Amino acid sequence: MSNDQQPARQLAKRAQMARYVVSVDGQPKSSFDTREPAEAEAKRILDKFPVVTVKVQDSEADSAKTLGATSAPEEPQD
């Protein structure tokens, strides 16, 4: 493993330590012990990057909440 890959692996490992994991387009970015700050972080990311898909995963309840660009926007009808 190269030195360039090591920080990404460490971030992914660190993100898995807490119950709530925030991932952007399938890549884990941060983790939180409670849901509220995890959802606040997800909303902050979406405010800055509205075209990404952000997911808040609850590792204990084995559930996830997806926010953001999950589907293409509807085109206006004439």
C-alpha atoms as a PDB file:
ATOM      1  CA  MET A   1       0.000   0.000   0.000  1.00  0.00           C
ATOM      2  CA  SER A   2       1.376   3.408  -0.962  1.00  0.00           C
ATOM      3  CA  ASN A   3       1.557   6.374   1.373  1.00  0.00           C
ATOM      4  CA  ASP A   4      -1.159   8.112  -0.679  1.00  0.00           C
ATOM      5  CA  GLN A   5      -3.669   5.340   0.084  1.00  0.00           C
ATOM      6  CA  GLN A   6      -2.896   5.152   3.787  1.00  0.00           C
ATOM      7  CA  PRO A   7      -4.656   8.406   4.897  1.00  0.00           C
ATOM      8  CA  ALA A   8      -7.838   7.409   3.061  1.00  0.00           C
ATOM      9  CA  ARG A   9      -7.862   4.035   4.769  1.00  0.00           C
ATOM     10  CA  GLN A  10      -7.242   5.641   8.160  1.00  0.00           C
ATOM     11  CA  LEU A  11     -10.145   8.069   7.588  1.00  0.00           C
ATOM     12  CA  ALA A  12     -12.478   5.202   6.655  1.00  0.00           C
ATOM     13  CA  LYS A  13     -11.392   3.243   9.723  1.00  0.00           C
ATOM     14  CA  ARG A  14     -11.846   6.275  11.996  1.00  0.00           C
ATOM     15  CA  ALA A  15     -15.284   6.982  10.502  1.00  0.00           C
ATOM     16  CA  GLN A  16     -16.449   3.497  11.499  1.00  0.00           C
ATOM     17  CA  MET A  17     -15.677   4.048  15.198  1.00  0.00           C
ATOM     18  CA  ALA A  18     -18.866   5.922  16.119  1.00  0.00           C
ATOM     19  CA  ARG A  19     -22.493   4.832  15.765  1.00  0.00           C
ATOM     20  CA  TYR A  20     -23.547   7.325  13.039  1.00  0.00           C
ATOM     21  CA  VAL A  21     -21.418   7.471   9.891  1.00  0.00           C
ATOM     22  CA  VAL A  22     -21.826  10.240   7.300  1.00  0.00           C
ATOM     23  CA  SER A  23     -20.838   9.190   3.787  1.00  0.00           C
ATOM     24  CA  VAL A  24     -20.763  11.223   0.596  1.00  0.00           C
ATOM     25  CA  ASP A  25     -21.373   9.360  -2.659  1.00  0.00           C
ATOM     26  CA  GLY A  26     -20.607   6.105  -0.858  1.00  0.00           C
ATOM     27  CA  GLN A  27     -17.353   7.275   0.771  1.00  0.00           C
ATOM     28  CA  PRO A  28     -17.298   7.542   4.599  1.00  0.00           C
ATOM     29  CA  LYS A  29     -16.329  11.057   5.681  1.00  0.00           C
ATOM     30  CA  SER A  30     -17.052  11.419   9.397  1.00  0.00           C
ATOM     31  CA  SER A  31     -18.734   9.750  12.332  1.00  0.00           C
ATOM     32  CA  PHE A  32     -20.713  10.848  15.370  1.00  0.00           C
ATOM     33  CA  ASP A  33     -21.973   9.287  18.582  1.00  0.00           C
ATOM     34  CA  THR A  34     -25.477  10.782  18.192  1.00  0.00           C
ATOM     35  CA  ARG A  35     -27.848  11.304  15.262  1.00  0.00           C
ATOM     36  CA  GLU A  36     -28.381  15.070  15.539  1.00  0.00           C
ATOM     37  CA  PRO A  37     -24.813  16.200  14.791  1.00  0.00           C
ATOM     38  CA  ALA A  38     -24.533  13.562  12.050  1.00  0.00           C
ATOM     39  CA  GLU A  39     -27.634  14.904  10.300  1.00  0.00           C
ATOM     40  CA  ALA A  40     -26.440  18.488  10.801  1.00  0.00           C
ATOM     41  CA  GLU A  41     -23.145  17.584   9.112  1.00  0.00           C
ATOM     42  CA  ALA A  42     -25.027  15.893   6.258  1.00  0.00           C
ATOM     43  CA  LYS A  43     -27.119  19.037   5.736  1.00  0.00           C
ATOM     44  CA  ARG A  44     -24.013  21.239   5.871  1.00  0.00           C
ATOM     45  CA  ILE A  45     -22.396  19.129   3.149  1.00  0.00           C
ATOM     46  CA  LEU A  46     -25.553  19.296   1.019  1.00  0.00           C
ATOM     47  CA  ASP A  47     -25.740  23.075   1.401  1.00  0.00           C
ATOM     48  CA  LYS A  48     -22.188  23.340   0.092  1.00  0.00           C
ATOM     49  CA  PHE A  49     -22.416  20.550  -2.530  1.00  0.00           C
ATOM     50  CA  PRO A  50     -26.078  20.098  -3.566  1.00  0.00           C
ATOM     51  CA  VAL A  51     -25.375  17.548  -6.318  1.00  0.00           C
ATOM     52  CA  VAL A  52     -23.919  14.845  -4.060  1.00  0.00           C
ATOM     53  CA  THR A  53     -25.753  12.083  -2.234  1.00  0.00           C
ATOM     54  CA  VAL A  54     -25.174  12.038   1.516  1.00  0.00           C
ATOM     55  CA  LYS A  55     -26.116   9.097   3.709  1.00  0.00           C
ATOM     56  CA  VAL A  56     -26.293   8.945   7.506  1.00  0.00           C
ATOM     57  CA  GLN A  57     -25.898   5.334   8.588  1.00  0.00           C
ATOM     58  CA  ASP A  58     -26.799   4.025  12.040  1.00  0.00           C
ATOM     59  CA  SER A  59     -24.451   1.103  12.608  1.00  0.00           C
ATOM     60  CA  GLU A  60     -26.298  -0.203  15.691  1.00  0.00           C
ATOM     61  CA  ALA A  61     -29.823  -0.153  14.224  1.00  0.00           C
ATOM     62  CA  ASP A  62     -28.535  -1.195  10.779  1.00  0.00           C
ATOM     63  CA  SER A  63     -30.481   1.612   9.092  1.00  0.00           C
ATOM     64  CA  ALA A  64     -29.657   4.587   6.888  1.00  0.00           C
ATOM     65  CA  LYS A  65     -31.150   7.916   5.868  1.00  0.00           C
ATOM     66  CA  THR A  66     -30.267   9.206   2.403  1.00  0.00           C
ATOM     67  CA  LEU A  67     -30.262  12.934   1.661  1.00  0.00           C
ATOM     68  CA  GLY A  68     -29.522  14.857  -1.514  1.00  0.00           C
ATOM     69  CA  ALA A  69     -29.258  14.069  -5.189  1.00  0.00           C
ATOM     70  CA  THR A  70     -30.768  10.587  -5.228  1.00  0.00           C
ATOM     71  CA  SER A  71     -32.605  11.083  -8.508  1.00  0.00           C
ATOM     72  CA  ALA A  72     -32.543  13.379 -11.504  1.00  0.00           C
ATOM     73  CA  PRO A  73     -34.683  16.499 -11.186  1.00  0.00           C
ATOM     74  CA  GLU A  74     -37.967  16.492 -13.041  1.00  0.00           C
ATOM     75  CA  GLU A  75     -38.090  18.460 -16.254  1.00  0.00           C
ATOM     76  CA  PRO A  76     -40.854  21.028 -16.583  1.00  0.00           C
ATOM     77  CA  GLN A  77     -43.776  19.909 -18.696  1.00  0.00           C
ATOM     78  CA  ASP A  78     -45.030  22.138 -21.504  1.00  0.00           C
END
